[in-house]
Protein backbone atom coordinates (compact mmCIF):
# COMPACT_ATOMS: atom_id res chain seq x y z
CA MET A 1 99.92 101.27 112.87
CA LYS A 2 102.84 103.67 112.53
CA THR A 3 105.10 103.42 109.48
CA TYR A 4 108.06 102.18 111.52
CA HIS A 5 105.91 99.39 112.99
CA PHE A 6 104.96 98.26 109.49
CA GLU A 7 108.58 98.49 108.28
CA SER A 8 109.78 96.49 111.30
CA LEU A 9 107.15 93.82 110.73
CA ILE A 10 108.13 93.43 107.07
CA ALA A 11 111.85 93.30 107.96
CA ALA A 12 111.19 90.70 110.70
CA LEU A 13 109.13 88.52 108.35
CA ILE A 14 111.76 88.66 105.61
CA LEU A 15 114.55 87.85 108.06
CA VAL A 16 112.73 84.98 109.81
CA ILE A 17 111.58 83.38 106.55
CA SER A 18 115.00 83.71 104.92
CA THR A 19 116.70 82.28 108.02
CA MET A 20 114.33 79.32 107.95
CA LEU A 21 114.85 78.72 104.22
CA LEU A 22 118.54 79.51 103.76
CA THR A 23 120.12 78.06 106.89
CA THR A 24 120.22 74.84 108.86
CA GLY A 25 118.84 76.61 111.91
CA ARG A 26 122.09 76.84 113.84
CA VAL A 27 122.06 79.04 116.91
CA GLU A 28 124.55 81.33 115.14
CA ASP A 29 122.09 81.85 112.29
CA TRP A 30 119.29 82.92 114.63
CA LEU A 31 121.55 85.12 116.75
CA THR A 32 122.84 86.78 113.59
CA MET A 33 119.28 87.27 112.36
CA LEU A 34 118.33 88.95 115.65
CA GLY A 35 121.39 91.19 115.45
CA VAL A 36 120.46 92.18 111.91
CA PHE A 37 116.86 92.90 112.97
CA PHE A 38 117.93 95.21 115.78
CA LEU A 39 120.46 96.88 113.50
CA PHE A 40 117.51 97.53 111.17
CA GLN A 41 115.70 99.17 114.09
CA TYR A 42 118.73 101.38 114.68
CA VAL A 43 119.01 102.28 110.97
CA SER A 44 115.29 103.07 110.86
CA ILE A 45 115.61 105.59 113.68
CA GLY A 46 118.80 107.01 112.19
CA ASN A 47 117.13 107.45 108.83
CA ARG A 48 114.26 109.39 110.38
CA LEU A 49 116.72 111.63 112.23
CA GLU A 50 118.66 112.12 109.00
CA GLU A 51 115.45 113.05 107.12
CA ARG A 52 114.43 115.57 109.76
CA HIS A 53 117.91 117.06 110.03
CA ALA A 54 118.43 117.28 106.26
CA SER A 55 115.09 119.08 105.88
CA GLN A 56 116.37 122.02 107.92
CA GLU A 57 117.44 125.09 105.98
CA ASN A 58 120.78 125.19 107.82
CA PRO A 59 121.53 121.72 109.20
CA GLU A 60 123.52 121.89 112.43
CA VAL A 61 125.62 118.87 111.48
CA ALA A 62 127.06 119.46 108.01
CA CYS A 63 128.32 115.89 107.59
CA VAL A 64 124.79 114.42 107.76
CA ARG A 65 124.98 113.88 103.99
CA TRP A 66 127.70 111.29 104.61
CA MET A 67 125.44 109.08 106.72
CA SER A 68 123.91 107.26 103.73
CA ARG A 69 127.22 107.04 101.90
CA TYR A 70 128.87 105.37 104.87
CA MET A 71 125.95 102.99 105.20
CA TYR A 72 126.38 101.78 101.60
CA ILE A 73 130.16 101.46 101.99
CA LYS A 74 129.85 99.42 105.20
CA GLU A 75 127.19 97.19 103.62
CA ALA A 76 129.47 96.46 100.65
CA PHE A 77 132.19 95.28 103.02
CA PHE A 78 129.71 93.30 105.12
CA VAL A 79 128.28 91.60 102.02
CA ALA A 80 131.76 90.53 100.93
CA SER A 81 132.48 89.21 104.45
CA PHE A 82 129.18 87.36 104.74
CA ILE A 83 129.69 85.67 101.37
CA VAL A 84 133.19 84.52 102.35
CA ILE A 85 131.99 83.26 105.77
CA GLY A 86 128.74 81.76 104.46
CA LEU A 87 126.34 83.67 106.73
CA TYR A 88 123.07 84.10 104.86
CA PRO A 89 120.71 85.95 107.26
CA PRO A 90 122.98 89.00 107.27
CA LEU A 91 123.14 88.92 103.46
CA VAL A 92 119.36 89.29 103.44
CA GLY A 93 119.71 92.05 106.02
CA SER A 94 122.22 93.84 103.81
CA ALA A 95 119.74 93.72 100.94
CA ILE A 96 117.10 95.24 103.22
CA PHE A 97 119.51 97.98 104.33
CA MET A 98 120.46 98.83 100.75
CA ILE A 99 116.81 99.03 99.64
CA TYR A 100 115.61 100.91 102.72
CA PRO A 101 116.87 104.42 101.83
CA ALA A 102 115.17 104.21 98.42
CA TRP A 103 111.96 103.13 100.14
CA ARG A 104 112.17 106.10 102.54
CA LYS A 105 112.73 108.55 99.65
CA LEU A 106 109.69 107.15 97.89
CA TRP A 107 107.71 107.33 101.15
CA ARG A 108 108.74 110.96 101.66
CA LYS A 109 107.71 111.73 98.09
CA TRP A 110 104.21 110.45 98.95
CA TYR A 111 104.23 111.84 102.50
CA PRO A 112 106.51 114.89 102.80
CA LEU A 113 107.82 115.97 106.18
CA ASN A 114 105.75 118.59 107.93
CA ARG A 115 108.29 121.25 108.84
CA ASN A 116 105.94 122.71 111.41
CA LYS A 117 106.24 119.67 113.69
């Protein structure tokens, strides 16, 4: 099993269980949960691209360092919105998104990128 498969499985389990426990099961809750899951897929790919790009001696896109910063800023605004609206699956998703970069840094500490690939 590839790392991204494992990460996706864990994210899906967390999102499904939290949606079952924290909501009344409205269609909106499940649609939101699915949107959050596929956003996680997108972020996962983006993070891998960011890792690979940042590992280059002279990155072609200098603003790559802003990618994580913007992710945290957007999540802060989303968290505030979700609390006001009362949508709980995306709150769990926001927690996953905020923890994910730290997980990837730890993962890369254990398994550094092979620059020869």
